[in-house]
């Protein structure tokens, strides 16, 4: 489960936001969730992001590569406390379903 995840299109994008986010381009490639999206097949997942969030374009790219793109919810909101609080109840429900599955 993730709310407003910091998903990047490239190592350069990640470094531009946070120079310490990855130690190297090799580490970036190893952990690039978008490139590894198919590995989430069959796992419980839920991603929520506000359309005005700066990470929304990269999350849409991830969504399009996921085995089940329906686990991604893009709705109104931004990368802020109000959005995160609004997504807490649906995340808790999703976690509950995953645990009792």
PDB file of N, CA and C in Angstrom:
ATOM      1  N   UNK A   1       0.847  -1.156   0.000  1.00  0.00           N
ATOM      2  CA  UNK A   1       0.000   0.000   0.000  1.00  0.00           C
ATOM      3  C   UNK A   1       0.904   1.233   0.000  1.00  0.00           C
ATOM      4  N   UNK A   2       0.552   2.168  -0.818  1.00  0.00           N
ATOM      5  CA  UNK A   2       1.354   3.392  -0.898  1.00  0.00           C
ATOM      6  C   UNK A   2       0.460   4.589  -1.187  1.00  0.00           C
ATOM      7  N   UNK A   3       0.743   5.666  -0.512  1.00  0.00           N
ATOM      8  CA  UNK A   3       0.050   6.921  -0.762  1.00  0.00           C
ATOM      9  C   UNK A   3       1.090   7.934  -1.220  1.00  0.00           C
ATOM     10  N   UNK A   4       0.862   8.522  -2.376  1.00  0.00           N
ATOM     11  CA  UNK A   4       1.772   9.510  -2.950  1.00  0.00           C
ATOM     12  C   UNK A   4       3.209   8.993  -3.015  1.00  0.00           C
ATOM     13  N   UNK A   5       3.423   7.806  -3.571  1.00  0.00           N
ATOM     14  CA  UNK A   5       4.785   7.270  -3.585  1.00  0.00           C
ATOM     15  C   UNK A   5       5.707   8.105  -4.468  1.00  0.00           C
ATOM     16  N   UNK A   6       6.948   8.189  -4.058  1.00  0.00           N
ATOM     17  CA  UNK A   6       7.966   8.910  -4.825  1.00  0.00           C
ATOM     18  C   UNK A   6       8.489   7.972  -5.914  1.00  0.00           C
ATOM     19  N   UNK A   7       7.766   7.941  -7.007  1.00  0.00           N
ATOM     20  CA  UNK A   7       8.141   7.137  -8.170  1.00  0.00           C
ATOM     21  C   UNK A   7       8.749   8.097  -9.191  1.00  0.00           C
ATOM     22  N   UNK A   8       9.855   7.697  -9.763  1.00  0.00           N
ATOM     23  CA  UNK A   8      10.565   8.550 -10.711  1.00  0.00           C
ATOM     24  C   UNK A   8      10.657   7.872 -12.066  1.00  0.00           C
ATOM     25  N   UNK A   9      10.727   8.677 -13.114  1.00  0.00           N
ATOM     26  CA  UNK A   9      10.899   8.143 -14.464  1.00  0.00           C
ATOM     27  C   UNK A   9      12.323   7.677 -14.726  1.00  0.00           C
ATOM     28  N   UNK A  10      13.280   8.263 -14.032  1.00  0.00           N
ATOM     29  CA  UNK A  10      14.676   7.935 -14.309  1.00  0.00           C
ATOM     30  C   UNK A  10      15.546   8.218 -13.084  1.00  0.00           C
ATOM     31  N   UNK A  11      16.756   7.727 -13.151  1.00  0.00           N
ATOM     32  CA  UNK A  11      17.747   8.004 -12.112  1.00  0.00           C
ATOM     33  C   UNK A  11      17.999   9.507 -12.026  1.00  0.00           C
ATOM     34  N   UNK A  12      18.079  10.162 -13.169  1.00  0.00           N
ATOM     35  CA  UNK A  12      18.310  11.615 -13.189  1.00  0.00           C
ATOM     36  C   UNK A  12      17.165  12.354 -12.495  1.00  0.00           C
ATOM     37  N   UNK A  13      15.930  11.926 -12.723  1.00  0.00           N
ATOM     38  CA  UNK A  13      14.783  12.541 -12.043  1.00  0.00           C
ATOM     39  C   UNK A  13      14.900  12.376 -10.528  1.00  0.00           C
ATOM     40  N   UNK A  14      15.239  11.163 -10.099  1.00  0.00           N
ATOM     41  CA  UNK A  14      15.374  10.893  -8.665  1.00  0.00           C
ATOM     42  C   UNK A  14      16.465  11.768  -8.062  1.00  0.00           C
ATOM     43  N   UNK A  15      17.597  11.861  -8.718  1.00  0.00           N
ATOM     44  CA  UNK A  15      18.710  12.683  -8.228  1.00  0.00           C
ATOM     45  C   UNK A  15      18.339  14.163  -8.205  1.00  0.00           C
ATOM     46  N   UNK A  16      17.515  14.585  -9.156  1.00  0.00           N
ATOM     47  CA  UNK A  16      17.098  15.981  -9.190  1.00  0.00           C
ATOM     48  C   UNK A  16      16.228  16.367  -8.004  1.00  0.00           C
ATOM     49  N   UNK A  17      15.467  15.417  -7.499  1.00  0.00           N
ATOM     50  CA  UNK A  17      14.596  15.677  -6.343  1.00  0.00           C
ATOM     51  C   UNK A  17      15.356  15.471  -5.039  1.00  0.00           C
ATOM     52  N   UNK A  18      16.164  14.409  -4.990  1.00  0.00           N
ATOM     53  CA  UNK A  18      16.900  14.069  -3.774  1.00  0.00           C
ATOM     54  C   UNK A  18      18.207  13.395  -4.179  1.00  0.00           C
ATOM     55  N   UNK A  19      19.290  14.132  -4.094  1.00  0.00           N
ATOM     56  CA  UNK A  19      20.592  13.619  -4.534  1.00  0.00           C
ATOM     57  C   UNK A  19      21.007  12.353  -3.786  1.00  0.00           C
ATOM     58  N   UNK A  20      20.466  12.124  -2.614  1.00  0.00           N
ATOM     59  CA  UNK A  20      20.820  10.935  -1.840  1.00  0.00           C
ATOM     60  C   UNK A  20      19.823   9.796  -1.961  1.00  0.00           C
ATOM     61  N   UNK A  21      18.857   9.930  -2.863  1.00  0.00           N
ATOM     62  CA  UNK A  21      17.809   8.907  -2.968  1.00  0.00           C
ATOM     63  C   UNK A  21      18.375   7.541  -3.359  1.00  0.00           C
ATOM     64  N   UNK A  22      19.358   7.511  -4.229  1.00  0.00           N
ATOM     65  CA  UNK A  22      20.000   6.273  -4.655  1.00  0.00           C
ATOM     66  C   UNK A  22      21.501   6.517  -4.676  1.00  0.00           C
ATOM     67  N   UNK A  23      22.259   5.502  -4.316  1.00  0.00           N
ATOM     68  CA  UNK A  23      23.715   5.655  -4.275  1.00  0.00           C
ATOM     69  C   UNK A  23      24.350   5.703  -5.659  1.00  0.00           C
ATOM     70  N   UNK A  24      23.679   5.104  -6.636  1.00  0.00           N
ATOM     71  CA  UNK A  24      24.268   5.041  -7.980  1.00  0.00           C
ATOM     72  C   UNK A  24      23.178   4.703  -8.989  1.00  0.00           C
ATOM     73  N   UNK A  25      23.510   4.874 -10.252  1.00  0.00           N
ATOM     74  CA  UNK A  25      22.584   4.481 -11.314  1.00  0.00           C
ATOM     75  C   UNK A  25      22.343   2.976 -11.267  1.00  0.00           C
ATOM     76  N   UNK A  26      23.332   2.224 -10.884  1.00  0.00           N
ATOM     77  CA  UNK A  26      23.177   0.764 -10.762  1.00  0.00           C
ATOM     78  C   UNK A  26      22.153   0.413  -9.685  1.00  0.00           C
ATOM     79  N   UNK A  27      22.231   1.103  -8.540  1.00  0.00           N
ATOM     80  CA  UNK A  27      21.248   0.863  -7.482  1.00  0.00           C
ATOM     81  C   UNK A  27      19.853   1.262  -7.962  1.00  0.00           C
ATOM     82  N   UNK A  28      19.741   2.385  -8.660  1.00  0.00           N
ATOM     83  CA  UNK A  28      18.463   2.817  -9.229  1.00  0.00           C
ATOM     84  C   UNK A  28      17.875   1.704 -10.094  1.00  0.00           C
ATOM     85  N   UNK A  29      18.675   1.173 -10.999  1.00  0.00           N
ATOM     86  CA  UNK A  29      18.204   0.126 -11.906  1.00  0.00           C
ATOM     87  C   UNK A  29      17.751  -1.110 -11.136  1.00  0.00           C
ATOM     88  N   UNK A  30      18.446  -1.425 -10.077  1.00  0.00           N
ATOM     89  CA  UNK A  30      18.092  -2.600  -9.273  1.00  0.00           C
ATOM     90  C   UNK A  30      16.732  -2.449  -8.598  1.00  0.00           C
ATOM     91  N   UNK A  31      16.397  -1.233  -8.173  1.00  0.00           N
ATOM     92  CA  UNK A  31      15.171  -1.005  -7.415  1.00  0.00           C
ATOM     93  C   UNK A  31      14.099  -0.236  -8.171  1.00  0.00           C
ATOM     94  N   UNK A  32      14.253  -0.050  -9.455  1.00  0.00           N
ATOM     95  CA  UNK A  32      13.275   0.690 -10.256  1.00  0.00           C
ATOM     96  C   UNK A  32      11.947  -0.072 -10.274  1.00  0.00           C
ATOM     97  N   UNK A  33      10.998   0.391  -9.490  1.00  0.00           N
ATOM     98  CA  UNK A  33       9.718  -0.308  -9.341  1.00  0.00           C
ATOM     99  C   UNK A  33       8.940  -0.354 -10.657  1.00  0.00           C
ATOM    100  N   UNK A  34       9.088   0.655 -11.487  1.00  0.00           N
ATOM    101  CA  UNK A  34       8.369   0.658 -12.761  1.00  0.00           C
ATOM    102  C   UNK A  34       8.891  -0.444 -13.676  1.00  0.00           C
ATOM    103  N   UNK A  35      10.195  -0.597 -13.730  1.00  0.00           N
ATOM    104  CA  UNK A  35      10.779  -1.656 -14.557  1.00  0.00           C
ATOM    105  C   UNK A  35      10.422  -3.038 -14.031  1.00  0.00           C
ATOM    106  N   UNK A  36      10.166  -3.133 -12.741  1.00  0.00           N
ATOM    107  CA  UNK A  36       9.871  -4.427 -12.104  1.00  0.00           C
ATOM    108  C   UNK A  36       8.382  -4.605 -11.810  1.00  0.00           C
ATOM    109  N   UNK A  37       7.538  -3.803 -12.417  1.00  0.00           N
ATOM    110  CA  UNK A  37       6.105  -3.798 -12.119  1.00  0.00           C
ATOM    111  C   UNK A  37       5.470  -5.179 -12.252  1.00  0.00           C
ATOM    112  N   UNK A  38       5.866  -5.959 -13.219  1.00  0.00           N
ATOM    113  CA  UNK A  38       5.274  -7.289 -13.417  1.00  0.00           C
ATOM    114  C   UNK A  38       5.488  -8.218 -12.224  1.00  0.00           C
ATOM    115  N   UNK A  39       6.491  -7.935 -11.416  1.00  0.00           N
ATOM    116  CA  UNK A  39       6.763  -8.763 -10.238  1.00  0.00           C
ATOM    117  C   UNK A  39       5.675  -8.621  -9.173  1.00  0.00           C
ATOM    118  N   UNK A  40       4.820  -7.637  -9.314  1.00  0.00           N
ATOM    119  CA  UNK A  40       3.734  -7.448  -8.353  1.00  0.00           C
ATOM    120  C   UNK A  40       2.514  -8.308  -8.671  1.00  0.00           C
ATOM    121  N   UNK A  41       2.571  -9.075  -9.736  1.00  0.00           N
ATOM    122  CA  UNK A  41       1.443  -9.940 -10.105  1.00  0.00           C
ATOM    123  C   UNK A  41       1.086 -10.858  -8.941  1.00  0.00           C
ATOM    124  N   UNK A  42      -0.188 -10.850  -8.575  1.00  0.00           N
ATOM    125  CA  UNK A  42      -0.683 -11.734  -7.525  1.00  0.00           C
ATOM    126  C   UNK A  42      -0.481 -11.226  -6.109  1.00  0.00           C
ATOM    127  N   UNK A  43       0.218 -10.132  -5.949  1.00  0.00           N
ATOM    128  CA  UNK A  43       0.434  -9.581  -4.613  1.00  0.00           C
ATOM    129  C   UNK A  43      -0.619  -8.513  -4.316  1.00  0.00           C
ATOM    130  N   UNK A  44      -1.039  -8.402  -3.051  1.00  0.00           N
ATOM    131  CA  UNK A  44      -1.982  -7.333  -2.724  1.00  0.00           C
ATOM    132  C   UNK A  44      -1.281  -5.982  -2.863  1.00  0.00           C
ATOM    133  N   UNK A  45      -1.903  -5.097  -3.561  1.00  0.00           N
ATOM    134  CA  UNK A  45      -1.302  -3.775  -3.773  1.00  0.00           C
ATOM    135  C   UNK A  45      -2.401  -2.731  -3.887  1.00  0.00           C
ATOM    136  N   UNK A  46      -2.074  -1.532  -3.476  1.00  0.00           N
ATOM    137  CA  UNK A  46      -2.958  -0.383  -3.642  1.00  0.00           C
ATOM    138  C   UNK A  46      -2.081   0.852  -3.633  1.00  0.00           C
ATOM    139  N   UNK A  47      -2.245   1.687  -4.635  1.00  0.00           N
ATOM    140  CA  UNK A  47      -1.500   2.936  -4.726  1.00  0.00           C
ATOM    141  C   UNK A  47      -2.506   4.059  -4.937  1.00  0.00           C
ATOM    142  N   UNK A  48      -2.390   5.098  -4.135  1.00  0.00           N
ATOM    143  CA  UNK A  48      -3.263   6.262  -4.273  1.00  0.00           C
ATOM    144  C   UNK A  48      -2.395   7.501  -4.441  1.00  0.00           C
ATOM    145  N   UNK A  49      -2.800   8.338  -5.379  1.00  0.00           N
ATOM    146  CA  UNK A  49      -2.053   9.568  -5.614  1.00  0.00           C
ATOM    147  C   UNK A  49      -3.008  10.643  -6.110  1.00  0.00           C
ATOM    148  N   UNK A  50      -2.734  11.868  -5.733  1.00  0.00           N
ATOM    149  CA  UNK A  50      -3.524  12.992  -6.204  1.00  0.00           C
ATOM    150  C   UNK A  50      -3.066  13.407  -7.592  1.00  0.00           C
ATOM    151  N   UNK A  51      -3.998  13.806  -8.420  1.00  0.00           N
ATOM    152  CA  UNK A  51      -3.674  14.202  -9.792  1.00  0.00           C
ATOM    153  C   UNK A  51      -2.713  15.387  -9.829  1.00  0.00           C
ATOM    154  N   UNK A  52      -2.728  16.234  -8.798  1.00  0.00           N
ATOM    155  CA  UNK A  52      -1.843  17.392  -8.757  1.00  0.00           C
ATOM    156  C   UNK A  52      -0.504  17.099  -8.078  1.00  0.00           C
ATOM    157  N   UNK A  53      -0.295  15.874  -7.678  1.00  0.00           N
ATOM    158  CA  UNK A  53       0.964  15.477  -7.046  1.00  0.00           C
ATOM    159  C   UNK A  53       2.075  15.478  -8.090  1.00  0.00           C
ATOM    160  N   UNK A  54       3.261  15.999  -7.771  1.00  0.00           N
ATOM    161  CA  UNK A  54       4.339  16.006  -8.755  1.00  0.00           C
ATOM    162  C   UNK A  54       4.791  14.602  -9.175  1.00  0.00           C
ATOM    163  N   UNK A  55       4.481  13.582  -8.378  1.00  0.00           N
ATOM    164  CA  UNK A  55       4.849  12.211  -8.727  1.00  0.00           C
ATOM    165  C   UNK A  55       3.783  11.513  -9.580  1.00  0.00           C
ATOM    166  N   UNK A  56       2.643  12.155  -9.802  1.00  0.00           N
ATOM    167  CA  UNK A  56       1.532  11.532 -10.534  1.00  0.00           C
ATOM    168  C   UNK A  56       1.916  11.049 -11.934  1.00  0.00           C
ATOM    169  N   UNK A  57       2.671  11.796 -12.730  1.00  0.00           N
ATOM    170  CA  UNK A  57       3.016  11.281 -14.066  1.00  0.00           C
ATOM    171  C   UNK A  57       3.788   9.951 -14.013  1.00  0.00           C
ATOM    172  N   UNK A  58       4.733   9.838 -13.105  1.00  0.00           N
ATOM    173  CA  UNK A  58       5.493   8.593 -13.001  1.00  0.00           C
ATOM    174  C   UNK A  58       4.631   7.462 -12.446  1.00  0.00           C
ATOM    175  N   UNK A  59       3.704   7.785 -11.541  1.00  0.00           N
ATOM    176  CA  UNK A  59       2.794   6.756 -11.021  1.00  0.00           C
ATOM    177  C   UNK A  59       1.865   6.264 -12.131  1.00  0.00           C
ATOM    178  N   UNK A  60       1.443   7.145 -13.006  1.00  0.00           N
ATOM    179  CA  UNK A  60       0.617   6.706 -14.155  1.00  0.00           C
ATOM    180  C   UNK A  60       1.409   5.752 -15.055  1.00  0.00           C
ATOM    181  N   UNK A  61       2.682   6.036 -15.257  1.00  0.00           N
ATOM    182  CA  UNK A  61       3.527   5.133 -16.042  1.00  0.00           C
ATOM    183  C   UNK A  61       3.614   3.772 -15.359  1.00  0.00           C
ATOM    184  N   UNK A  62       3.827   3.778 -14.049  1.00  0.00           N
ATOM    185  CA  UNK A  62       3.852   2.531 -13.291  1.00  0.00           C
ATOM    186  C   UNK A  62       2.524   1.805 -13.435  1.00  0.00           C
ATOM    187  N   UNK A  63       1.430   2.529 -13.262  1.00  0.00           N
ATOM    188  CA  UNK A  63       0.094   1.932 -13.383  1.00  0.00           C
ATOM    189  C   UNK A  63      -0.059   1.194 -14.712  1.00  0.00           C
ATOM    190  N   UNK A  64       0.394   1.815 -15.777  1.00  0.00           N
ATOM    191  CA  UNK A  64       0.231   1.231 -17.110  1.00  0.00           C
ATOM    192  C   UNK A  64       1.064  -0.027 -17.310  1.00  0.00           C
ATOM    193  N   UNK A  65       2.023  -0.266 -16.446  1.00  0.00           N
ATOM    194  CA  UNK A  65       2.871  -1.460 -16.551  1.00  0.00           C
ATOM    195  C   UNK A  65       2.507  -2.544 -15.544  1.00  0.00           C
ATOM    196  N   UNK A  66       1.632  -2.224 -14.613  1.00  0.00           N
ATOM    197  CA  UNK A  66       1.245  -3.207 -13.598  1.00  0.00           C
ATOM    198  C   UNK A  66       0.358  -4.296 -14.191  1.00  0.00           C
ATOM    199  N   UNK A  67       0.468  -5.511 -13.665  1.00  0.00           N
ATOM    200  CA  UNK A  67      -0.419  -6.589 -14.115  1.00  0.00           C
ATOM    201  C   UNK A  67      -1.892  -6.237 -13.900  1.00  0.00           C
ATOM    202  N   UNK A  68      -2.177  -5.511 -12.808  1.00  0.00           N
ATOM    203  CA  UNK A  68      -3.538  -5.074 -12.511  1.00  0.00           C
ATOM    204  C   UNK A  68      -3.518  -3.558 -12.309  1.00  0.00           C
ATOM    205  N   UNK A  69      -3.667  -2.786 -13.380  1.00  0.00           N
ATOM    206  CA  UNK A  69      -3.607  -1.331 -13.231  1.00  0.00           C
ATOM    207  C   UNK A  69      -4.709  -0.764 -12.349  1.00  0.00           C
ATOM    208  N   UNK A  70      -5.744  -1.535 -12.083  1.00  0.00           N
ATOM    209  CA  UNK A  70      -6.841  -1.076 -11.240  1.00  0.00           C
ATOM    210  C   UNK A  70      -6.468  -0.858  -9.789  1.00  0.00           C
ATOM    211  N   UNK A  71      -5.265  -1.288  -9.377  1.00  0.00           N
ATOM    212  CA  UNK A  71      -4.850  -1.075  -7.988  1.00  0.00           C
ATOM    213  C   UNK A  71      -4.392   0.354  -7.761  1.00  0.00           C
ATOM    214  N   UNK A  72      -4.267   1.131  -8.835  1.00  0.00           N
ATOM    215  CA  UNK A  72      -3.833   2.526  -8.718  1.00  0.00           C
ATOM    216  C   UNK A  72      -5.049   3.437  -8.787  1.00  0.00           C
ATOM    217  N   UNK A  73      -5.172   4.301  -7.797  1.00  0.00           N
ATOM    218  CA  UNK A  73      -6.246   5.281  -7.745  1.00  0.00           C
ATOM    219  C   UNK A  73      -5.635   6.667  -7.902  1.00  0.00           C
ATOM    220  N   UNK A  74      -5.980   7.336  -8.987  1.00  0.00           N
ATOM    221  CA  UNK A  74      -5.581   8.727  -9.196  1.00  0.00           C
ATOM    222  C   UNK A  74      -6.840   9.556  -9.014  1.00  0.00           C
ATOM    223  N   UNK A  75      -6.808  10.441  -8.042  1.00  0.00           N
ATOM    224  CA  UNK A  75      -7.982  11.234  -7.708  1.00  0.00           C
ATOM    225  C   UNK A  75      -7.561  12.677  -7.484  1.00  0.00           C
ATOM    226  N   UNK A  76      -8.495  13.512  -7.096  1.00  0.00           N
ATOM    227  CA  UNK A  76      -8.130  14.894  -6.817  1.00  0.00           C
ATOM    228  C   UNK A  76      -7.229  14.932  -5.588  1.00  0.00           C
ATOM    229  N   UNK A  77      -6.375  15.910  -5.553  1.00  0.00           N
ATOM    230  CA  UNK A  77      -5.499  16.064  -4.406  1.00  0.00           C
ATOM    231  C   UNK A  77      -4.068  16.313  -4.818  1.00  0.00           C
ATOM    232  N   UNK A  78      -3.233  16.489  -3.801  1.00  0.00           N
ATOM    233  CA  UNK A  78      -1.828  16.806  -4.021  1.00  0.00           C
ATOM    234  C   UNK A  78      -0.987  16.013  -3.018  1.00  0.00           C
ATOM    235  N   UNK A  79       0.268  16.328  -2.958  1.00  0.00           N
ATOM    236  CA  UNK A  79       1.220  15.667  -2.072  1.00  0.00           C
ATOM    237  C   UNK A  79       1.214  16.399  -0.728  1.00  0.00           C
ATOM    238  N   UNK A  80       0.114  16.197   0.040  1.00  0.00           N
ATOM    239  CA  UNK A  80      -0.021  16.934   1.294  1.00  0.00           C
ATOM    240  C   UNK A  80      -0.808  16.139   2.331  1.00  0.00           C
ATOM    241  N   UNK A  81      -0.837  16.667   3.548  1.00  0.00           N
ATOM    242  CA  UNK A  81      -1.496  15.976   4.659  1.00  0.00           C
ATOM    243  C   UNK A  81      -2.975  15.721   4.412  1.00  0.00           C
ATOM    244  N   UNK A  82      -3.663  16.656   3.786  1.00  0.00           N
ATOM    245  CA  UNK A  82      -5.096  16.475   3.540  1.00  0.00           C
ATOM    246  C   UNK A  82      -5.335  15.265   2.647  1.00  0.00           C
ATOM    247  N   UNK A  83      -4.536  15.115   1.610  1.00  0.00           N
ATOM    248  CA  UNK A  83      -4.699  13.960   0.725  1.00  0.00           C
ATOM    249  C   UNK A  83      -4.367  12.672   1.468  1.00  0.00           C
ATOM    250  N   UNK A  84      -3.244  12.664   2.164  1.00  0.00           N
ATOM    251  CA  UNK A  84      -2.839  11.449   2.864  1.00  0.00           C
ATOM    252  C   UNK A  84      -3.891  11.016   3.882  1.00  0.00           C
ATOM    253  N   UNK A  85      -4.451  11.966   4.613  1.00  0.00           N
ATOM    254  CA  UNK A  85      -5.495  11.628   5.590  1.00  0.00           C
ATOM    255  C   UNK A  85      -6.733  11.066   4.904  1.00  0.00           C
ATOM    256  N   UNK A  86      -7.070  11.598   3.737  1.00  0.00           N
ATOM    257  CA  UNK A  86      -8.260  11.110   3.027  1.00  0.00           C
ATOM    258  C   UNK A  86      -8.065   9.692   2.498  1.00  0.00           C
ATOM    259  N   UNK A  87      -6.835   9.298   2.287  1.00  0.00           N
ATOM    260  CA  UNK A  87      -6.556   7.961   1.750  1.00  0.00           C
ATOM    261  C   UNK A  87      -6.333   6.918   2.848  1.00  0.00           C
ATOM    262  N   UNK A  88      -6.225   7.348   4.089  1.00  0.00           N
ATOM    263  CA  UNK A  88      -5.985   6.401   5.181  1.00  0.00           C
ATOM    264  C   UNK A  88      -7.103   5.363   5.315  1.00  0.00           C
ATOM    265  N   UNK A  89      -8.382   5.742   5.343  1.00  0.00           N
ATOM    266  CA  UNK A  89      -9.428   4.727   5.498  1.00  0.00           C
ATOM    267  C   UNK A  89      -9.436   3.675   4.376  1.00  0.00           C
ATOM    268  N   UNK A  90      -9.355   4.057   3.095  1.00  0.00           N
ATOM    269  CA  UNK A  90      -9.333   3.008   2.078  1.00  0.00           C
ATOM    270  C   UNK A  90      -8.078   2.133   2.152  1.00  0.00           C
ATOM    271  N   UNK A  91      -6.958   2.705   2.566  1.00  0.00           N
ATOM    272  CA  UNK A  91      -5.755   1.889   2.732  1.00  0.00           C
ATOM    273  C   UNK A  91      -5.946   0.872   3.851  1.00  0.00           C
ATOM    274  N   UNK A  92      -6.520   1.309   4.959  1.00  0.00           N
ATOM    275  CA  UNK A  92      -6.747   0.392   6.080  1.00  0.00           C
ATOM    276  C   UNK A  92      -7.688  -0.735   5.645  1.00  0.00           C
ATOM    277  N   UNK A  93      -8.730  -0.398   4.879  1.00  0.00           N
ATOM    278  CA  UNK A  93      -9.626  -1.443   4.383  1.00  0.00           C
ATOM    279  C   UNK A  93      -8.893  -2.415   3.478  1.00  0.00           C
ATOM    280  N   UNK A  94      -8.036  -1.911   2.611  1.00  0.00           N
ATOM    281  CA  UNK A  94      -7.280  -2.779   1.702  1.00  0.00           C
ATOM    282  C   UNK A  94      -6.320  -3.680   2.470  1.00  0.00           C
ATOM    283  N   UNK A  95      -5.686  -3.134   3.486  1.00  0.00           N
ATOM    284  CA  UNK A  95      -4.787  -3.953   4.319  1.00  0.00           C
ATOM    285  C   UNK A  95      -5.591  -5.024   5.033  1.00  0.00           C
ATOM    286  N   UNK A  96      -6.760  -4.674   5.543  1.00  0.00           N
ATOM    287  CA  UNK A  96      -7.609  -5.645   6.227  1.00  0.00           C
ATOM    288  C   UNK A  96      -7.989  -6.800   5.292  1.00  0.00           C
ATOM    289  N   UNK A  97      -8.378  -6.464   4.081  1.00  0.00           N
ATOM    290  CA  UNK A  97      -8.740  -7.494   3.100  1.00  0.00           C
ATOM    291  C   UNK A  97      -7.528  -8.374   2.786  1.00  0.00           C
ATOM    292  N   UNK A  98      -6.361  -7.752   2.634  1.00  0.00           N
ATOM    293  CA  UNK A  98      -5.150  -8.523   2.318  1.00  0.00           C
ATOM    294  C   UNK A  98      -4.785  -9.469   3.451  1.00  0.00           C
ATOM    295  N   UNK A  99      -4.986  -9.039   4.684  1.00  0.00           N
ATOM    296  CA  UNK A  99      -4.628  -9.876   5.837  1.00  0.00           C
ATOM    297  C   UNK A  99      -5.621 -10.990   6.101  1.00  0.00           C
ATOM    298  N   UNK A 100      -6.873 -10.767   5.753  1.00  0.00           N
ATOM    299  CA  UNK A 100      -7.890 -11.785   6.019  1.00  0.00           C
ATOM    300  C   UNK A 100      -8.214 -12.616   4.797  1.00  0.00           C
ATOM    301  N   UNK A 101      -7.703 -12.139   3.637  1.00  0.00           N
ATOM    302  CA  UNK A 101      -7.906 -12.679   2.323  1.00  0.00           C
ATOM    303  C   UNK A 101      -8.333 -14.030   2.150  1.00  0.00           C
TER     304      UNK A 101
END
